[in-house]
Amino acid sequence: MIVLRGEKIVFVEVKSHKTLEGAALSLSRKQQNRIFNTAQNYLAESGARLNAETQFDMVLVDRHGRSEVLENAMAMGW
C-alpha cells in the first residue's frame, strides 16, 4: 500500500499471522527487497521529488483481527 501523509510518502506492508509478534517476524529479506524496489519504481514513475520524504510502515494483524501499526519500521531494524 502507498499512502500520502501530508508531504510524506509512506509505503505500508500488511502482514498477518496467528500472533502480532509472528506477523512482525514474518517479513523475509526477499519481501523487504521487493518493497524497496516497488518504492524506487513508484518514486521514479510518479514524478515524486527525488528528495521526497519517505517512510516504511508495517501493519500487523493477528488471527483475532487485532492490529498494530509499526511506523517507520525500517528504522527499527525491519
PDB file of N, CA and C in Angstrom:
ATOM      1  N   MET A   1       0.846  -1.149   0.000  1.00  0.00           N
ATOM      2  CA  MET A   1       0.000   0.000   0.000  1.00  0.00           C
ATOM      3  C   MET A   1       0.909   1.236   0.000  1.00  0.00           C
ATOM      4  N   ILE A   2       0.485   2.266  -0.727  1.00  0.00           N
ATOM      5  CA  ILE A   2       1.220   3.519  -0.751  1.00  0.00           C
ATOM      6  C   ILE A   2       0.266   4.613  -0.291  1.00  0.00           C
ATOM      7  N   VAL A   3       0.681   5.346   0.732  1.00  0.00           N
ATOM      8  CA  VAL A   3      -0.173   6.344   1.361  1.00  0.00           C
ATOM      9  C   VAL A   3       0.556   7.679   1.374  1.00  0.00           C
ATOM     10  N   LEU A   4      -0.163   8.743   1.068  1.00  0.00           N
ATOM     11  CA  LEU A   4       0.398  10.083   1.210  1.00  0.00           C
ATOM     12  C   LEU A   4      -0.061  10.625   2.556  1.00  0.00           C
ATOM     13  N   ARG A   5       0.889  11.001   3.389  1.00  0.00           N
ATOM     14  CA  ARG A   5       0.595  11.580   4.697  1.00  0.00           C
ATOM     15  C   ARG A   5       1.218  12.966   4.708  1.00  0.00           C
ATOM     16  N   GLY A   6       0.417  13.951   4.320  1.00  0.00           N
ATOM     17  CA  GLY A   6       0.949  15.294   4.126  1.00  0.00           C
ATOM     18  C   GLY A   6       1.872  15.270   2.920  1.00  0.00           C
ATOM     19  N   GLU A   7       3.115  15.683   3.112  1.00  0.00           N
ATOM     20  CA  GLU A   7       4.114  15.661   2.044  1.00  0.00           C
ATOM     21  C   GLU A   7       4.924  14.364   2.037  1.00  0.00           C
ATOM     22  N   LYS A   8       4.690  13.500   3.007  1.00  0.00           N
ATOM     23  CA  LYS A   8       5.456  12.263   3.159  1.00  0.00           C
ATOM     24  C   LYS A   8       4.792  11.123   2.386  1.00  0.00           C
ATOM     25  N   ILE A   9       5.608  10.323   1.711  1.00  0.00           N
ATOM     26  CA  ILE A   9       5.124   9.140   1.001  1.00  0.00           C
ATOM     27  C   ILE A   9       5.431   7.937   1.895  1.00  0.00           C
ATOM     28  N   VAL A  10       4.376   7.216   2.280  1.00  0.00           N
ATOM     29  CA  VAL A  10       4.534   6.093   3.203  1.00  0.00           C
ATOM     30  C   VAL A  10       4.213   4.793   2.469  1.00  0.00           C
ATOM     31  N   PHE A  11       5.163   3.877   2.486  1.00  0.00           N
ATOM     32  CA  PHE A  11       4.985   2.552   1.905  1.00  0.00           C
ATOM     33  C   PHE A  11       4.628   1.615   3.054  1.00  0.00           C
ATOM     34  N   VAL A  12       3.504   0.917   2.914  1.00  0.00           N
ATOM     35  CA  VAL A  12       2.969   0.120   4.014  1.00  0.00           C
ATOM     36  C   VAL A  12       2.885  -1.345   3.601  1.00  0.00           C
ATOM     37  N   GLU A  13       3.444  -2.207   4.426  1.00  0.00           N
ATOM     38  CA  GLU A  13       3.343  -3.657   4.225  1.00  0.00           C
ATOM     39  C   GLU A  13       2.413  -4.204   5.301  1.00  0.00           C
ATOM     40  N   VAL A  14       1.406  -4.964   4.894  1.00  0.00           N
ATOM     41  CA  VAL A  14       0.465  -5.569   5.840  1.00  0.00           C
ATOM     42  C   VAL A  14       0.812  -7.049   5.967  1.00  0.00           C
ATOM     43  N   LYS A  15       1.021  -7.495   7.206  1.00  0.00           N
ATOM     44  CA  LYS A  15       1.367  -8.890   7.469  1.00  0.00           C
ATOM     45  C   LYS A  15       0.389  -9.457   8.489  1.00  0.00           C
ATOM     46  N   SER A  16      -0.099 -10.671   8.220  1.00  0.00           N
ATOM     47  CA  SER A  16      -0.989 -11.324   9.179  1.00  0.00           C
ATOM     48  C   SER A  16      -0.388 -12.661   9.604  1.00  0.00           C
ATOM     49  N   HIS A  17      -0.708 -13.035  10.818  1.00  0.00           N
ATOM     50  CA  HIS A  17      -0.191 -14.274  11.401  1.00  0.00           C
ATOM     51  C   HIS A  17      -1.069 -14.593  12.602  1.00  0.00           C
ATOM     52  N   LYS A  18      -0.860 -15.742  13.211  1.00  0.00           N
ATOM     53  CA  LYS A  18      -1.630 -16.103  14.404  1.00  0.00           C
ATOM     54  C   LYS A  18      -1.482 -15.056  15.501  1.00  0.00           C
ATOM     55  N   THR A  19      -0.267 -14.517  15.637  1.00  0.00           N
ATOM     56  CA  THR A  19       0.014 -13.512  16.664  1.00  0.00           C
ATOM     57  C   THR A  19       0.618 -12.274  16.020  1.00  0.00           C
ATOM     58  N   LEU A  20       0.531 -11.158  16.720  1.00  0.00           N
ATOM     59  CA  LEU A  20       1.149  -9.932  16.213  1.00  0.00           C
ATOM     60  C   LEU A  20       2.652 -10.096  16.125  1.00  0.00           C
ATOM     61  N   GLU A  21       3.247 -10.759  17.113  1.00  0.00           N
ATOM     62  CA  GLU A  21       4.696 -10.991  17.090  1.00  0.00           C
ATOM     63  C   GLU A  21       5.082 -11.840  15.880  1.00  0.00           C
ATOM     64  N   GLY A  22       4.299 -12.872  15.612  1.00  0.00           N
ATOM     65  CA  GLY A  22       4.565 -13.714  14.448  1.00  0.00           C
ATOM     66  C   GLY A  22       4.470 -12.933  13.152  1.00  0.00           C
ATOM     67  N   ALA A  23       3.494 -12.032  13.079  1.00  0.00           N
ATOM     68  CA  ALA A  23       3.350 -11.199  11.887  1.00  0.00           C
ATOM     69  C   ALA A  23       4.574 -10.300  11.722  1.00  0.00           C
ATOM     70  N   ALA A  24       5.053  -9.748  12.829  1.00  0.00           N
ATOM     71  CA  ALA A  24       6.218  -8.861  12.772  1.00  0.00           C
ATOM     72  C   ALA A  24       7.455  -9.608  12.294  1.00  0.00           C
ATOM     73  N   LEU A  25       7.560 -10.876  12.646  1.00  0.00           N
ATOM     74  CA  LEU A  25       8.741 -11.658  12.298  1.00  0.00           C
ATOM     75  C   LEU A  25       8.633 -12.352  10.938  1.00  0.00           C
ATOM     76  N   SER A  26       7.497 -12.216  10.274  1.00  0.00           N
ATOM     77  CA  SER A  26       7.263 -12.977   9.046  1.00  0.00           C
ATOM     78  C   SER A  26       7.741 -12.287   7.771  1.00  0.00           C
ATOM     79  N   LEU A  27       8.303 -11.109   7.883  1.00  0.00           N
ATOM     80  CA  LEU A  27       8.764 -10.392   6.695  1.00  0.00           C
ATOM     81  C   LEU A  27      10.166 -10.862   6.326  1.00  0.00           C
ATOM     82  N   SER A  28      10.275 -11.471   5.165  1.00  0.00           N
ATOM     83  CA  SER A  28      11.562 -12.020   4.722  1.00  0.00           C
ATOM     84  C   SER A  28      12.424 -10.950   4.042  1.00  0.00           C
ATOM     85  N   ARG A  29      13.687 -11.238   3.897  1.00  0.00           N
ATOM     86  CA  ARG A  29      14.614 -10.339   3.196  1.00  0.00           C
ATOM     87  C   ARG A  29      14.152 -10.153   1.749  1.00  0.00           C
ATOM     88  N   LYS A  30      13.670 -11.216   1.120  1.00  0.00           N
ATOM     89  CA  LYS A  30      13.173 -11.127  -0.255  1.00  0.00           C
ATOM     90  C   LYS A  30      11.995 -10.151  -0.338  1.00  0.00           C
ATOM     91  N   GLN A  31      11.097 -10.214   0.629  1.00  0.00           N
ATOM     92  CA  GLN A  31       9.956  -9.305   0.646  1.00  0.00           C
ATOM     93  C   GLN A  31      10.414  -7.867   0.879  1.00  0.00           C
ATOM     94  N   GLN A  32      11.396  -7.678   1.753  1.00  0.00           N
ATOM     95  CA  GLN A  32      11.932  -6.342   2.001  1.00  0.00           C
ATOM     96  C   GLN A  32      12.506  -5.758   0.710  1.00  0.00           C
ATOM     97  N   ASN A  33      13.246  -6.572  -0.024  1.00  0.00           N
ATOM     98  CA  ASN A  33      13.813  -6.119  -1.293  1.00  0.00           C
ATOM     99  C   ASN A  33      12.720  -5.751  -2.289  1.00  0.00           C
ATOM    100  N   ARG A  34      11.643  -6.533  -2.309  1.00  0.00           N
ATOM    101  CA  ARG A  34      10.505  -6.236  -3.197  1.00  0.00           C
ATOM    102  C   ARG A  34       9.885  -4.890  -2.832  1.00  0.00           C
ATOM    103  N   ILE A  35       9.758  -4.627  -1.550  1.00  0.00           N
ATOM    104  CA  ILE A  35       9.180  -3.356  -1.099  1.00  0.00           C
ATOM    105  C   ILE A  35      10.075  -2.190  -1.517  1.00  0.00           C
ATOM    106  N   PHE A  36      11.378  -2.326  -1.317  1.00  0.00           N
ATOM    107  CA  PHE A  36      12.309  -1.276  -1.727  1.00  0.00           C
ATOM    108  C   PHE A  36      12.251  -1.046  -3.232  1.00  0.00           C
ATOM    109  N   ASN A  37      12.210  -2.122  -4.009  1.00  0.00           N
ATOM    110  CA  ASN A  37      12.144  -1.985  -5.468  1.00  0.00           C
ATOM    111  C   ASN A  37      10.844  -1.308  -5.890  1.00  0.00           C
ATOM    112  N   THR A  38       9.750  -1.689  -5.260  1.00  0.00           N
ATOM    113  CA  THR A  38       8.460  -1.070  -5.556  1.00  0.00           C
ATOM    114  C   THR A  38       8.504   0.416  -5.240  1.00  0.00           C
ATOM    115  N   ALA A  39       9.103   0.764  -4.115  1.00  0.00           N
ATOM    116  CA  ALA A  39       9.216   2.170  -3.720  1.00  0.00           C
ATOM    117  C   ALA A  39      10.036   2.945  -4.747  1.00  0.00           C
ATOM    118  N   GLN A  40      11.159   2.385  -5.164  1.00  0.00           N
ATOM    119  CA  GLN A  40      12.004   3.057  -6.158  1.00  0.00           C
ATOM    120  C   GLN A  40      11.251   3.258  -7.466  1.00  0.00           C
ATOM    121  N   ASN A  41      10.542   2.219  -7.915  1.00  0.00           N
ATOM    122  CA  ASN A  41       9.773   2.325  -9.160  1.00  0.00           C
ATOM    123  C   ASN A  41       8.673   3.367  -9.040  1.00  0.00           C
ATOM    124  N   TYR A  42       7.970   3.348  -7.918  1.00  0.00           N
ATOM    125  CA  TYR A  42       6.891   4.317  -7.711  1.00  0.00           C
ATOM    126  C   TYR A  42       7.432   5.740  -7.754  1.00  0.00           C
ATOM    127  N   LEU A  43       8.519   5.976  -7.022  1.00  0.00           N
ATOM    128  CA  LEU A  43       9.092   7.322  -6.976  1.00  0.00           C
ATOM    129  C   LEU A  43       9.559   7.778  -8.359  1.00  0.00           C
ATOM    130  N   ALA A  44      10.153   6.871  -9.115  1.00  0.00           N
ATOM    131  CA  ALA A  44      10.642   7.210 -10.450  1.00  0.00           C
ATOM    132  C   ALA A  44       9.488   7.479 -11.418  1.00  0.00           C
ATOM    133  N   GLU A  45       8.443   6.675 -11.354  1.00  0.00           N
ATOM    134  CA  GLU A  45       7.353   6.774 -12.319  1.00  0.00           C
ATOM    135  C   GLU A  45       6.296   7.802 -11.948  1.00  0.00           C
ATOM    136  N   SER A  46       6.196   8.150 -10.677  1.00  0.00           N
ATOM    137  CA  SER A  46       5.138   9.062 -10.243  1.00  0.00           C
ATOM    138  C   SER A  46       5.530  10.519 -10.383  1.00  0.00           C
ATOM    139  N   GLY A  47       6.806  10.757 -10.652  1.00  0.00           N
ATOM    140  CA  GLY A  47       7.265  12.138 -10.738  1.00  0.00           C
ATOM    141  C   GLY A  47       7.462  12.762  -9.369  1.00  0.00           C
ATOM    142  N   ALA A  48       7.519  11.944  -8.337  1.00  0.00           N
ATOM    143  CA  ALA A  48       7.746  12.458  -6.986  1.00  0.00           C
ATOM    144  C   ALA A  48       9.116  13.127  -6.933  1.00  0.00           C
ATOM    145  N   ARG A  49       9.214  14.107  -6.083  1.00  0.00           N
ATOM    146  CA  ARG A  49      10.511  14.774  -5.912  1.00  0.00           C
ATOM    147  C   ARG A  49      11.559  13.746  -5.530  1.00  0.00           C
ATOM    148  N   LEU A  50      12.748  13.899  -6.063  1.00  0.00           N
ATOM    149  CA  LEU A  50      13.831  12.968  -5.749  1.00  0.00           C
ATOM    150  C   LEU A  50      14.173  12.970  -4.270  1.00  0.00           C
ATOM    151  N   ASN A  51      13.948  14.101  -3.627  1.00  0.00           N
ATOM    152  CA  ASN A  51      14.257  14.185  -2.208  1.00  0.00           C
ATOM    153  C   ASN A  51      13.002  14.081  -1.342  1.00  0.00           C
ATOM    154  N   ALA A  52      11.937  13.515  -1.900  1.00  0.00           N
ATOM    155  CA  ALA A  52      10.689  13.374  -1.152  1.00  0.00           C
ATOM    156  C   ALA A  52      10.936  12.549   0.110  1.00  0.00           C
ATOM    157  N   GLU A  53      10.311  12.974   1.195  1.00  0.00           N
ATOM    158  CA  GLU A  53      10.438  12.226   2.441  1.00  0.00           C
ATOM    159  C   GLU A  53       9.615  10.943   2.321  1.00  0.00           C
ATOM    160  N   THR A  54      10.243   9.830   2.647  1.00  0.00           N
ATOM    161  CA  THR A  54       9.557   8.544   2.575  1.00  0.00           C
ATOM    162  C   THR A  54       9.648   7.842   3.925  1.00  0.00           C
ATOM    163  N   GLN A  55       8.756   6.904   4.108  1.00  0.00           N
ATOM    164  CA  GLN A  55       8.721   6.118   5.340  1.00  0.00           C
ATOM    165  C   GLN A  55       8.184   4.740   4.996  1.00  0.00           C
ATOM    166  N   PHE A  56       8.649   3.730   5.727  1.00  0.00           N
ATOM    167  CA  PHE A  56       8.197   2.359   5.525  1.00  0.00           C
ATOM    168  C   PHE A  56       7.552   1.871   6.820  1.00  0.00           C
ATOM    169  N   ASP A  57       6.244   1.609   6.756  1.00  0.00           N
ATOM    170  CA  ASP A  57       5.493   1.146   7.918  1.00  0.00           C
ATOM    171  C   ASP A  57       5.047  -0.297   7.723  1.00  0.00           C
ATOM    172  N   MET A  58       4.725  -0.943   8.824  1.00  0.00           N
ATOM    173  CA  MET A  58       4.115  -2.272   8.781  1.00  0.00           C
ATOM    174  C   MET A  58       2.815  -2.231   9.564  1.00  0.00           C
ATOM    175  N   VAL A  59       1.803  -2.909   9.048  1.00  0.00           N
ATOM    176  CA  VAL A  59       0.571  -3.132   9.785  1.00  0.00           C
ATOM    177  C   VAL A  59       0.525  -4.621  10.086  1.00  0.00           C
ATOM    178  N   LEU A  60       0.447  -4.955  11.363  1.00  0.00           N
ATOM    179  CA  LEU A  60       0.414  -6.344  11.805  1.00  0.00           C
ATOM    180  C   LEU A  60      -1.015  -6.699  12.176  1.00  0.00           C
ATOM    181  N   VAL A  61      -1.459  -7.876  11.769  1.00  0.00           N
ATOM    182  CA  VAL A  61      -2.809  -8.334  12.070  1.00  0.00           C
ATOM    183  C   VAL A  61      -2.714  -9.754  12.611  1.00  0.00           C
ATOM    184  N   ASP A  62      -3.403 -10.018  13.744  1.00  0.00           N
ATOM    185  CA  ASP A  62      -3.394 -11.381  14.283  1.00  0.00           C
ATOM    186  C   ASP A  62      -4.678 -12.112  13.924  1.00  0.00           C
ATOM    187  N   ARG A  63      -4.783 -13.373  14.322  1.00  0.00           N
ATOM    188  CA  ARG A  63      -5.930 -14.212  13.932  1.00  0.00           C
ATOM    189  C   ARG A  63      -7.258 -13.745  14.523  1.00  0.00           C
ATOM    190  N   HIS A  64      -7.212 -12.865  15.518  1.00  0.00           N
ATOM    191  CA  HIS A  64      -8.430 -12.342  16.125  1.00  0.00           C
ATOM    192  C   HIS A  64      -8.838 -10.996  15.522  1.00  0.00           C
ATOM    193  N   GLY A  65      -8.066 -10.545  14.530  1.00  0.00           N
ATOM    194  CA  GLY A  65      -8.369  -9.282  13.874  1.00  0.00           C
ATOM    195  C   GLY A  65      -7.774  -8.070  14.570  1.00  0.00           C
ATOM    196  N   ARG A  66      -7.006  -8.302  15.627  1.00  0.00           N
ATOM    197  CA  ARG A  66      -6.323  -7.179  16.278  1.00  0.00           C
ATOM    198  C   ARG A  66      -5.213  -6.708  15.352  1.00  0.00           C
ATOM    199  N   SER A  67      -4.936  -5.421  15.402  1.00  0.00           N
ATOM    200  CA  SER A  67      -3.885  -4.889  14.536  1.00  0.00           C
ATOM    201  C   SER A  67      -3.000  -3.915  15.303  1.00  0.00           C
ATOM    202  N   GLU A  68      -1.820  -3.736  14.762  1.00  0.00           N
ATOM    203  CA  GLU A  68      -0.856  -2.797  15.323  1.00  0.00           C
ATOM    204  C   GLU A  68      -0.074  -2.202  14.163  1.00  0.00           C
ATOM    205  N   VAL A  69       0.163  -0.901  14.230  1.00  0.00           N
ATOM    206  CA  VAL A  69       0.935  -0.221  13.196  1.00  0.00           C
ATOM    207  C   VAL A  69       2.332   0.045  13.738  1.00  0.00           C
ATOM    208  N   LEU A  70       3.328  -0.389  12.986  1.00  0.00           N
ATOM    209  CA  LEU A  70       4.720  -0.080  13.318  1.00  0.00           C
ATOM    210  C   LEU A  70       5.164   1.012  12.356  1.00  0.00           C
ATOM    211  N   GLU A  71       5.144   2.239  12.823  1.00  0.00           N
ATOM    212  CA  GLU A  71       5.570   3.346  11.983  1.00  0.00           C
ATOM    213  C   GLU A  71       7.081   3.356  11.842  1.00  0.00           C
ATOM    214  N   ASN A  72       7.533   3.700  10.650  1.00  0.00           N
ATOM    215  CA  ASN A  72       8.950   3.792  10.360  1.00  0.00           C
ATOM    216  C   ASN A  72       9.668   2.483  10.726  1.00  0.00           C
ATOM    217  N   ALA A  73       9.078   1.382  10.322  1.00  0.00           N
ATOM    218  CA  ALA A  73       9.590   0.049  10.684  1.00  0.00           C
ATOM    219  C   ALA A  73      11.013  -0.182  10.199  1.00  0.00           C
ATOM    220  N   MET A  74      11.385   0.390   9.068  1.00  0.00           N
ATOM    221  CA  MET A  74      12.750   0.201   8.559  1.00  0.00           C
ATOM    222  C   MET A  74      13.780   0.745   9.535  1.00  0.00           C
ATOM    223  N   ALA A  75      13.469   1.889  10.147  1.00  0.00           N
ATOM    224  CA  ALA A  75      14.399   2.492  11.092  1.00  0.00           C
ATOM    225  C   ALA A  75      14.520   1.647  12.353  1.00  0.00           C
ATOM    226  N   MET A  76      13.551   0.756  12.596  1.00  0.00           N
ATOM    227  CA  MET A  76      13.562  -0.089  13.782  1.00  0.00           C
ATOM    228  C   MET A  76      14.257  -1.418  13.515  1.00  0.00           C
ATOM    229  N   GLY A  77      14.938  -1.533  12.384  1.00  0.00           N
ATOM    230  CA  GLY A  77      15.665  -2.756  12.093  1.00  0.00           C
ATOM    231  C   GLY A  77      14.866  -3.797  11.351  1.00  0.00           C
ATOM    232  N   TRP A  78      13.800  -3.363  10.701  1.00  0.00           N
ATOM    233  CA  TRP A  78      12.904  -4.247   9.950  1.00  0.00           C
ATOM    234  C   TRP A  78      13.658  -4.942   8.871  1.00  0.00           C
TER     235      TRP A  78
END
